[in-house]
C-alpha atoms as a PDB file:
ATOM      1  CA  ALA A   1     129.284 -45.482 283.245  1.00  0.00           C
ATOM      2  CA  TRP A   2     133.020 -45.786 282.591  1.00  0.00           C
ATOM      3  CA  ALA A   3     132.369 -47.761 279.408  1.00  0.00           C
ATOM      4  CA  ASP A   4     129.811 -45.164 278.289  1.00  0.00           C
ATOM      5  CA  ALA A   5     132.338 -42.372 278.881  1.00  0.00           C
ATOM      6  CA  VAL A   6     135.096 -44.166 276.961  1.00  0.00           C
ATOM      7  CA  SER A   7     132.767 -44.850 274.049  1.00  0.00           C
ATOM      8  CA  GLY A   8     131.675 -41.225 273.879  1.00  0.00           C
ATOM      9  CA  ALA A   9     135.235 -39.919 274.022  1.00  0.00           C
ATOM     10  CA  ILE A  10     136.371 -42.229 271.216  1.00  0.00           C
ATOM     11  CA  ARG A  11     133.421 -41.324 269.021  1.00  0.00           C
ATOM     12  CA  ARG A  12     134.119 -37.604 269.417  1.00  0.00           C
ATOM     13  CA  GLY A  13     137.874 -38.087 268.997  1.00  0.00           C
ATOM     14  CA  TYR A  14     140.572 -36.897 271.295  1.00  0.00           C
ATOM     15  CA  GLY A  15     141.056 -33.597 269.524  1.00  0.00           C
ATOM     16  CA  TRP A  16     144.591 -34.565 268.520  1.00  0.00           C
ATOM     17  CA  PRO A  17     145.763 -33.760 265.010  1.00  0.00           C
ATOM     18  CA  ALA A  18     145.966 -36.877 262.857  1.00  0.00           C
ATOM     19  CA  THR A  19     149.500 -38.140 262.396  1.00  0.00           C
ATOM     20  CA  PRO A  20     150.975 -37.824 258.886  1.00  0.00           C
ATOM     21  CA  GLY A  21     149.895 -40.767 256.762  1.00  0.00           C
ATOM     22  CA  SER A  22     147.179 -41.858 259.178  1.00  0.00           C
ATOM     23  CA  GLU A  23     143.930 -43.141 257.778  1.00  0.00           C
ATOM     24  CA  SER A  24     141.026 -40.803 257.338  1.00  0.00           C
ATOM     25  CA  PHE A  25     137.820 -41.799 255.618  1.00  0.00           C
ATOM     26  CA  SER A  26     136.704 -38.227 254.938  1.00  0.00           C
ATOM     27  CA  ARG A  27     135.566 -37.901 251.320  1.00  0.00           C
ATOM     28  CA  ILE A  28     138.025 -40.271 249.689  1.00  0.00           C
ATOM     29  CA  ASP A  29     135.626 -40.522 246.761  1.00  0.00           C
ATOM     30  CA  ASN A  30     135.003 -38.010 244.022  1.00  0.00           C
ATOM     31  CA  ASP A  31     131.412 -38.973 243.255  1.00  0.00           C
ATOM     32  CA  GLY A  32     129.737 -37.464 246.294  1.00  0.00           C
ATOM     33  CA  ASP A  33     129.985 -40.532 248.534  1.00  0.00           C
ATOM     34  CA  ASP A  34     131.076 -39.593 252.037  1.00  0.00           C
ATOM     35  CA  GLU A  35     132.741 -42.387 253.953  1.00  0.00           C
ATOM     36  CA  SER A  36     133.226 -40.173 256.998  1.00  0.00           C
ATOM     37  CA  LEU A  37     129.734 -41.198 258.087  1.00  0.00           C
ATOM     38  CA  GLY A  38     130.232 -44.019 260.572  1.00  0.00           C
ATOM     39  CA  ALA A  39     134.014 -43.610 260.620  1.00  0.00           C
ATOM     40  CA  MET A  40     136.378 -43.245 263.555  1.00  0.00           C
ATOM     41  CA  ASP A  41     138.078 -39.944 264.188  1.00  0.00           C
ATOM     42  CA  ALA A  42     141.361 -39.937 262.232  1.00  0.00           C
ATOM     43  CA  ALA A  43     143.381 -39.613 265.441  1.00  0.00           C
ATOM     44  CA  VAL A  44     141.707 -42.733 266.849  1.00  0.00           C
ATOM     45  CA  ALA A  45     142.102 -44.729 263.623  1.00  0.00           C
ATOM     46  CA  ALA A  46     145.828 -43.936 263.573  1.00  0.00           C
ATOM     47  CA  ILE A  47     146.483 -45.894 266.794  1.00  0.00           C
ATOM     48  CA  PRO A  48     145.792 -49.662 266.674  1.00  0.00           C
ATOM     49  CA  THR A  49     144.936 -49.954 270.373  1.00  0.00           C
ATOM     50  CA  ALA A  50     142.541 -47.017 270.228  1.00  0.00           C
ATOM     51  CA  ALA A  51     140.967 -48.301 266.998  1.00  0.00           C
ATOM     52  CA  ARG A  52     140.328 -51.717 268.522  1.00  0.00           C
ATOM     53  CA  LEU A  53     138.957 -50.106 271.692  1.00  0.00           C
ATOM     54  CA  CYS A  54     136.558 -48.168 269.481  1.00  0.00           C
ATOM     55  CA  VAL A  55     135.299 -51.463 268.036  1.00  0.00           C
ATOM     56  CA  VAL A  56     134.593 -53.135 271.383  1.00  0.00           C
ATOM     57  CA  SER A  57     132.996 -49.916 272.733  1.00  0.00           C
ATOM     58  CA  GLN A  58     130.170 -50.068 270.209  1.00  0.00           C
ATOM     59  CA  PRO A  59     127.534 -51.414 272.684  1.00  0.00           C
ATOM     60  CA  TYR A  60     128.140 -48.470 275.047  1.00  0.00           C
ATOM     61  CA  GLY A  61     127.529 -44.725 275.186  1.00  0.00           C
ATOM     62  CA  ALA A  62     124.640 -42.448 274.275  1.00  0.00           C
ATOM     63  CA  VAL A  63     125.132 -43.340 270.593  1.00  0.00           C
ATOM     64  CA  GLN A  64     125.664 -47.054 270.113  1.00  0.00           C
ATOM     65  CA  LYS A  65     126.630 -49.250 267.160  1.00  0.00           C
ATOM     66  CA  TRP A  66     127.489 -46.269 264.979  1.00  0.00           C
ATOM     67  CA  LEU A  67     130.719 -47.644 263.468  1.00  0.00           C
ATOM     68  CA  ARG A  68     130.484 -48.552 259.780  1.00  0.00           C
ATOM     69  CA  CYS A  69     134.040 -47.997 258.474  1.00  0.00           C
ATOM     70  CA  VAL A  70     136.825 -50.227 259.805  1.00  0.00           C
ATOM     71  CA  PRO A  71     140.398 -48.942 259.256  1.00  0.00           C
ATOM     72  CA  SER A  72     143.304 -51.281 258.632  1.00  0.00           C
ATOM     73  CA  THR A  73     144.784 -50.542 262.065  1.00  0.00           C
ATOM     74  CA  VAL A  74     142.114 -52.765 263.634  1.00  0.00           C
ATOM     75  CA  LEU A  75     143.496 -55.813 261.802  1.00  0.00           C
ATOM     76  CA  ARG A  76     147.115 -54.791 261.273  1.00  0.00           C
ATOM     77  CA  ALA A  77     148.575 -57.231 263.809  1.00  0.00           C
ATOM     78  CA  ALA A  78     146.901 -60.204 262.136  1.00  0.00           C
ATOM     79  CA  THR A  79     149.556 -61.488 259.728  1.00  0.00           C
ATOM     80  CA  ASP A  80     148.589 -65.129 260.228  1.00  0.00           C
ATOM     81  CA  ALA A  81     145.273 -66.881 259.688  1.00  0.00           C
ATOM     82  CA  PRO A  82     144.386 -67.761 263.333  1.00  0.00           C
ATOM     83  CA  ARG A  83     144.806 -64.168 264.521  1.00  0.00           C
ATOM     84  CA  MET A  84     142.901 -62.767 261.543  1.00  0.00           C
ATOM     85  CA  LEU A  85     140.097 -65.244 262.152  1.00  0.00           C
ATOM     86  CA  ARG A  86     139.764 -64.127 265.783  1.00  0.00           C
ATOM     87  CA  ASP A  87     139.810 -60.467 264.808  1.00  0.00           C
ATOM     88  CA  LEU A  88     137.171 -60.858 262.106  1.00  0.00           C
ATOM     89  CA  ARG A  89     134.917 -62.684 264.528  1.00  0.00           C
ATOM     90  CA  MET A  90     135.402 -59.821 266.975  1.00  0.00           C
ATOM     91  CA  LEU A  91     134.339 -57.385 264.267  1.00  0.00           C
ATOM     92  CA  GLN A  92     131.272 -59.457 263.474  1.00  0.00           C
ATOM     93  CA  GLN A  93     130.304 -59.381 267.146  1.00  0.00           C
ATOM     94  CA  TYR A  94     130.643 -55.614 267.607  1.00  0.00           C
ATOM     95  CA  VAL A  95     130.225 -53.871 264.230  1.00  0.00           C
ATOM     96  CA  ALA A  96     126.773 -53.999 262.694  1.00  0.00           C
ATOM     97  CA  ARG A  97     126.224 -53.308 258.993  1.00  0.00           C
ATOM     98  CA  PRO A  98     129.789 -52.387 257.951  1.00  0.00           C
ATOM     99  CA  THR A  99     130.212 -50.403 254.755  1.00  0.00           C
ATOM    100  CA  THR A 100     134.004 -50.057 254.516  1.00  0.00           C
ATOM    101  CA  LEU A 101     136.881 -52.385 255.411  1.00  0.00           C
ATOM    102  CA  ARG A 102     140.591 -51.814 254.893  1.00  0.00           C
ATOM    103  CA  ILE A 103     143.208 -54.550 255.119  1.00  0.00           C
ATOM    104  CA  ASP A 104     146.860 -53.570 254.899  1.00  0.00           C
ATOM    105  CA  ARG A 105     150.087 -55.561 255.285  1.00  0.00           C
ATOM    106  CA  ASN A 106     148.469 -58.708 256.667  1.00  0.00           C
ATOM    107  CA  GLY A 107     150.872 -61.181 255.106  1.00  0.00           C
ATOM    108  CA  SER A 108     149.295 -64.537 254.256  1.00  0.00           C
ATOM    109  CA  ALA A 109     146.312 -64.167 256.600  1.00  0.00           C
ATOM    110  CA  LEU A 110     143.811 -64.283 253.712  1.00  0.00           C
ATOM    111  CA  THR A 111     145.103 -67.566 252.309  1.00  0.00           C
ATOM    112  CA  ASP A 112     142.905 -69.604 254.661  1.00  0.00           C
ATOM    113  CA  VAL A 113     139.370 -70.582 253.607  1.00  0.00           C
ATOM    114  CA  ALA A 114     138.008 -70.093 257.138  1.00  0.00           C
ATOM    115  CA  VAL A 115     139.341 -66.522 257.210  1.00  0.00           C
ATOM    116  CA  VAL A 116     137.678 -65.643 253.907  1.00  0.00           C
ATOM    117  CA  GLU A 117     134.419 -67.170 255.139  1.00  0.00           C
ATOM    118  CA  ALA A 118     134.668 -65.081 258.315  1.00  0.00           C
ATOM    119  CA  LEU A 119     135.298 -61.954 256.248  1.00  0.00           C
ATOM    120  CA  VAL A 120     132.199 -62.660 254.165  1.00  0.00           C
ATOM    121  CA  ALA A 121     130.151 -63.309 257.314  1.00  0.00           C
ATOM    122  CA  PHE A 122     131.289 -59.975 258.760  1.00  0.00           C
ATOM    123  CA  ALA A 123     130.705 -58.030 255.539  1.00  0.00           C
ATOM    124  CA  GLY A 124     127.245 -59.444 254.965  1.00  0.00           C
ATOM    125  CA  ASP A 125     125.260 -57.657 252.302  1.00  0.00           C
ATOM    126  CA  THR A 126     126.221 -54.131 253.378  1.00  0.00           C
ATOM    127  CA  LEU A 127     129.942 -53.813 252.566  1.00  0.00           C
ATOM    128  CA  GLU A 128     130.395 -51.242 249.800  1.00  0.00           C
ATOM    129  CA  SER A 129     134.138 -50.604 249.897  1.00  0.00           C
ATOM    130  CA  LEU A 130     136.977 -53.110 250.335  1.00  0.00           C
ATOM    131  CA  SER A 131     140.662 -52.242 250.240  1.00  0.00           C
ATOM    132  CA  VAL A 132     143.384 -54.909 250.403  1.00  0.00           C
ATOM    133  CA  ALA A 133     147.009 -53.765 250.270  1.00  0.00           C
ATOM    134  CA  GLU A 134     150.277 -55.688 250.458  1.00  0.00           C
ATOM    135  CA  THR A 135     148.412 -58.844 251.476  1.00  0.00           C
ATOM    136  CA  LEU A 136     148.417 -62.166 249.640  1.00  0.00           C
ATOM    137  CA  VAL A 137     145.045 -63.008 248.091  1.00  0.00           C
ATOM    138  CA  PRO A 138     145.024 -66.341 246.203  1.00  0.00           C
ATOM    139  CA  SER A 139     142.933 -66.206 243.036  1.00  0.00           C
ATOM    140  CA  THR A 140     140.785 -69.199 244.061  1.00  0.00           C
ATOM    141  CA  LEU A 141     139.776 -67.511 247.312  1.00  0.00           C
ATOM    142  CA  ALA A 142     139.352 -64.125 245.623  1.00  0.00           C
ATOM    143  CA  ALA A 143     136.698 -65.683 243.403  1.00  0.00           C
ATOM    144  CA  SER A 144     134.622 -66.872 246.351  1.00  0.00           C
ATOM    145  CA  LEU A 145     135.224 -63.645 248.268  1.00  0.00           C
ATOM    146  CA  PHE A 146     134.079 -61.152 245.649  1.00  0.00           C
ATOM    147  CA  ALA A 147     131.196 -63.336 244.501  1.00  0.00           C
ATOM    148  CA  SER A 148     129.857 -63.190 248.069  1.00  0.00           C
ATOM    149  CA  LEU A 149     129.870 -59.386 248.481  1.00  0.00           C
ATOM    150  CA  PRO A 150     126.758 -58.188 246.630  1.00  0.00           C
ATOM    151  CA  SER A 151     126.989 -54.492 247.571  1.00  0.00           C
ATOM    152  CA  LEU A 152     130.608 -53.754 246.601  1.00  0.00           C
ATOM    153  CA  THR A 153     131.022 -50.622 244.510  1.00  0.00           C
ATOM    154  CA  ARG A 154     134.604 -49.640 245.434  1.00  0.00           C
ATOM    155  CA  VAL A 155     137.563 -52.030 245.371  1.00  0.00           C
ATOM    156  CA  ALA A 156     141.267 -51.413 245.928  1.00  0.00           C
ATOM    157  CA  LEU A 157     143.748 -54.235 245.375  1.00  0.00           C
ATOM    158  CA  THR A 158     147.188 -52.718 245.676  1.00  0.00           C
ATOM    159  CA  GLY A 159     150.730 -53.904 246.093  1.00  0.00           C
ATOM    160  CA  THR A 160     152.315 -57.318 245.939  1.00  0.00           C
ATOM    161  CA  GLY A 161     150.007 -60.311 246.420  1.00  0.00           C
ATOM    162  CA  ALA A 162     146.687 -58.496 246.115  1.00  0.00           C
ATOM    163  CA  ALA A 163     146.912 -56.769 242.732  1.00  0.00           C
ATOM    164  CA  THR A 164     147.133 -59.614 240.233  1.00  0.00           C
ATOM    165  CA  ALA A 165     145.630 -60.083 236.789  1.00  0.00           C
ATOM    166  CA  ASP A 166     143.409 -62.942 237.963  1.00  0.00           C
ATOM    167  CA  ASN A 167     142.106 -60.983 240.952  1.00  0.00           C
ATOM    168  CA  VAL A 168     141.305 -57.912 238.867  1.00  0.00           C
ATOM    169  CA  ALA A 169     139.441 -60.038 236.325  1.00  0.00           C
ATOM    170  CA  THR A 170     137.546 -61.652 239.205  1.00  0.00           C
ATOM    171  CA  VAL A 171     136.506 -58.256 240.570  1.00  0.00           C
ATOM    172  CA  ALA A 172     135.297 -57.226 237.115  1.00  0.00           C
ATOM    173  CA  ALA A 173     133.271 -60.428 236.697  1.00  0.00           C
ATOM    174  CA  SER A 174     131.786 -60.305 240.208  1.00  0.00           C
ATOM    175  CA  CYS A 175     130.997 -56.591 240.482  1.00  0.00           C
ATOM    176  CA  GLY A 176     130.204 -55.786 236.861  1.00  0.00           C
ATOM    177  CA  ASP A 177     128.168 -52.620 236.414  1.00  0.00           C
ATOM    178  CA  ARG A 178     128.037 -52.059 240.200  1.00  0.00           C
ATOM    179  CA  LEU A 179     131.707 -51.137 240.274  1.00  0.00           C
ATOM    180  CA  ARG A 180     132.347 -47.394 240.538  1.00  0.00           C
ATOM    181  CA  HIS A 181     135.955 -47.175 241.768  1.00  0.00           C
ATOM    182  CA  LEU A 182     138.869 -49.529 241.105  1.00  0.00           C
ATOM    183  CA  ASP A 183     142.414 -49.036 242.366  1.00  0.00           C
ATOM    184  CA  VAL A 184     145.000 -51.615 241.255  1.00  0.00           C
ATOM    185  CA  CYS A 185     148.120 -49.482 241.533  1.00  0.00           C
ATOM    186  CA  GLU A 186     151.636 -50.577 242.451  1.00  0.00           C
ATOM    187  CA  SER A 187     151.146 -54.124 241.205  1.00  0.00           C
ATOM    188  CA  GLY A 188     154.697 -54.546 239.997  1.00  0.00           C
ATOM    189  CA  ARG A 189     153.251 -55.057 236.487  1.00  0.00           C
ATOM    190  CA  SER A 190     151.200 -58.027 237.720  1.00  0.00           C
ATOM    191  CA  VAL A 191     148.028 -56.360 236.441  1.00  0.00           C
ATOM    192  CA  THR A 192     148.179 -57.130 232.736  1.00  0.00           C
ATOM    193  CA  ALA A 193     146.527 -55.716 229.652  1.00  0.00           C
ATOM    194  CA  GLY A 194     144.121 -58.647 229.680  1.00  0.00           C
ATOM    195  CA  ALA A 195     142.934 -57.739 233.174  1.00  0.00           C
ATOM    196  CA  VAL A 196     142.310 -54.137 232.100  1.00  0.00           C
ATOM    197  CA  GLU A 197     140.379 -55.386 229.072  1.00  0.00           C
ATOM    198  CA  ALA A 198     138.228 -57.528 231.384  1.00  0.00           C
ATOM    199  CA  VAL A 199     137.347 -54.382 233.344  1.00  0.00           C
ATOM    200  CA  ALA A 200     136.525 -52.560 230.116  1.00  0.00           C
ATOM    201  CA  ALA A 201     134.219 -55.370 229.021  1.00  0.00           C
ATOM    202  CA  ARG A 202     132.254 -55.686 232.257  1.00  0.00           C
ATOM    203  CA  CYS A 203     132.341 -52.416 234.217  1.00  0.00           C
ATOM    204  CA  ALA A 204     130.555 -49.846 232.074  1.00  0.00           C
ATOM    205  CA  ALA A 205     129.576 -47.679 235.064  1.00  0.00           C
ATOM    206  CA  LEU A 206     133.141 -47.253 236.344  1.00  0.00           C
ATOM    207  CA  ARG A 207     133.924 -43.680 237.395  1.00  0.00           C
ATOM    208  CA  ARG A 208     137.460 -43.896 238.764  1.00  0.00           C
ATOM    209  CA  ILE A 209     140.401 -46.178 238.011  1.00  0.00           C
ATOM    210  CA  ASP A 210     144.032 -46.047 239.132  1.00  0.00           C
ATOM    211  CA  LEU A 211     146.405 -48.077 236.942  1.00  0.00           C
ATOM    212  CA  THR A 212     149.659 -46.713 238.351  1.00  0.00           C
ATOM    213  CA  SER A 213     152.605 -49.055 237.713  1.00  0.00           C
ATOM    214  CA  THR A 214     150.568 -51.673 235.869  1.00  0.00           C
ATOM    215  CA  ALA A 215     151.284 -53.373 232.533  1.00  0.00           C
ATOM    216  CA  VAL A 216     148.410 -51.643 230.706  1.00  0.00           C
ATOM    217  CA  THR A 217     148.993 -51.325 226.961  1.00  0.00           C
ATOM    218  CA  GLU A 218     147.705 -48.878 224.382  1.00  0.00           C
ATOM    219  CA  ASP A 219     145.138 -51.390 223.086  1.00  0.00           C
ATOM    220  CA  ALA A 220     143.892 -52.144 226.593  1.00  0.00           C
ATOM    221  CA  PHE A 221     143.675 -48.436 227.347  1.00  0.00           C
ATOM    222  CA  ALA A 222     141.661 -47.848 224.179  1.00  0.00           C
ATOM    223  CA  ALA A 223     139.270 -50.627 225.210  1.00  0.00           C
ATOM    224  CA  LEU A 224     138.926 -49.037 228.637  1.00  0.00           C
ATOM    225  CA  SER A 225     138.103 -45.613 227.215  1.00  0.00           C
ATOM    226  CA  GLN A 226     135.424 -47.180 225.009  1.00  0.00           C
ATOM    227  CA  GLY A 227     133.983 -49.656 227.522  1.00  0.00           C
ATOM    228  CA  CYS A 228     133.866 -47.272 230.513  1.00  0.00           C
ATOM    229  CA  PRO A 229     132.423 -44.030 229.080  1.00  0.00           C
ATOM    230  CA  ARG A 230     131.500 -42.608 232.507  1.00  0.00           C
ATOM    231  CA  LEU A 231     135.077 -42.348 233.758  1.00  0.00           C
ATOM    232  CA  GLU A 232     135.681 -39.136 235.697  1.00  0.00           C
ATOM    233  CA  THR A 233     139.134 -39.877 237.136  1.00  0.00           C
ATOM    234  CA  LEU A 234     141.828 -41.790 235.258  1.00  0.00           C
ATOM    235  CA  VAL A 235     145.308 -42.366 236.727  1.00  0.00           C
ATOM    236  CA  LEU A 236     148.014 -43.764 234.430  1.00  0.00           C
ATOM    237  CA  ARG A 237     151.152 -42.869 236.362  1.00  0.00           C
ATOM    238  CA  ALA A 238     154.367 -44.758 235.650  1.00  0.00           C
ATOM    239  CA  VAL A 239     153.030 -47.223 233.092  1.00  0.00           C
ATOM    240  CA  GLY A 240     156.384 -47.323 231.340  1.00  0.00           C
ATOM    241  CA  GLY A 241     155.514 -45.200 228.328  1.00  0.00           C
ATOM    242  CA  ARG A 242     153.540 -48.016 226.706  1.00  0.00           C
ATOM    243  CA  ILE A 243     150.759 -45.572 225.813  1.00  0.00           C
ATOM    244  CA  ALA A 244     151.599 -42.777 223.412  1.00  0.00           C
ATOM    245  CA  GLY A 245     150.712 -39.236 224.413  1.00  0.00           C
ATOM    246  CA  ASP A 246     148.422 -38.699 221.420  1.00  0.00           C
ATOM    247  CA  ALA A 247     146.528 -41.918 222.285  1.00  0.00           C
ATOM    248  CA  ILE A 248     145.931 -40.609 225.805  1.00  0.00           C
ATOM    249  CA  VAL A 249     144.732 -37.263 224.491  1.00  0.00           C
ATOM    250  CA  ALA A 250     142.411 -38.972 221.987  1.00  0.00           C
ATOM    251  CA  ALA A 251     140.914 -41.197 224.673  1.00  0.00           C
ATOM    252  CA  ALA A 252     140.433 -38.219 226.967  1.00  0.00           C
ATOM    253  CA  GLY A 253     138.455 -36.575 224.185  1.00  0.00           C
ATOM    254  CA  ARG A 254     136.112 -39.564 224.044  1.00  0.00           C
ATOM    255  CA  LEU A 255     135.565 -39.543 227.806  1.00  0.00           C
ATOM    256  CA  THR A 256     133.177 -36.625 228.032  1.00  0.00           C
ATOM    257  CA  GLN A 257     132.776 -36.881 231.827  1.00  0.00           C
ATOM    258  CA  LEU A 258     136.517 -36.991 232.560  1.00  0.00           C
ATOM    259  CA  THR A 259     137.583 -34.311 235.045  1.00  0.00           C
ATOM    260  CA  HIS A 260     141.002 -35.584 236.143  1.00  0.00           C
ATOM    261  CA  LEU A 261     143.701 -37.337 234.114  1.00  0.00           C
ATOM    262  CA  ASP A 262     147.116 -38.135 235.575  1.00  0.00           C
ATOM    263  CA  ALA A 263     149.597 -39.619 233.123  1.00  0.00           C
ATOM    264  CA  SER A 264     152.702 -38.292 234.835  1.00  0.00           C
ATOM    265  CA  CYS A 265     155.962 -40.202 235.303  1.00  0.00           C
ATOM    266  CA  ASN A 266     155.741 -41.598 231.775  1.00  0.00           C
ATOM    267  CA  TRP A 267     157.839 -41.169 228.625  1.00  0.00           C
ATOM    268  CA  THR A 268     155.129 -39.098 226.999  1.00  0.00           C
ATOM    269  CA  ALA A 269     154.348 -35.418 226.754  1.00  0.00           C
ATOM    270  CA  VAL A 270     151.136 -35.826 228.744  1.00  0.00           C
ATOM    271  CA  GLY A 271     151.143 -35.029 232.465  1.00  0.00           C
ATOM    272  CA  ASP A 272     148.691 -34.325 235.240  1.00  0.00           C
ATOM    273  CA  THR A 273     145.685 -32.450 233.806  1.00  0.00           C
END
């Protein structure tokens, strides 16, 4: 009875306001997908202990095994491979049919083959959205990881260690026309023009891309605007002025479904439109 009560309280949320910067899965997409289904209350997801308690409470309560979206707070303490391996096995035990997983600031935990295999085992064939931020992802393991996730449509590889040219090219090759959203911002210029061109060549159904602080060039941008005609959201913040304002405007004219363009923080006359 106590376990049932705890599970019900966590599922409903405590009624606290979410802390600034806390994770919320409510409508992060702009294509009608709603990740709030099967997600923790934002106030629960903001606290690692509460988030992990939510995971192990899944077999209890009037509504059981409802969790589909796993916030990064569940895994945030796992900065080494052994801890990450234990945590992923815990997730596999308690969370059925996950659709969203976020990994943030987990150091070198994903550099171990056993950890990547455990992640794939947990994700199964249902994971649609994977976000990895400020976590080292070796290109050799990225290849096996993304090739083993057949339902991925949304990928975020952001920050040092995750957003690399090789990893972006791997995502493009593995996801292809399934990919709808790609976020590779804040790469420290590690995401090169060649990586962007690989996306343009393979991901024709892409709807949203964030290239903030990448090394995208004008030629790569032109290829993207031609190869991904369904783009609705395009973010080109702080790309160092390598794309002229008139080139951005011309590309926007070709993208007939584009509804949001952000080219701010550049040395061009184009801003957030």
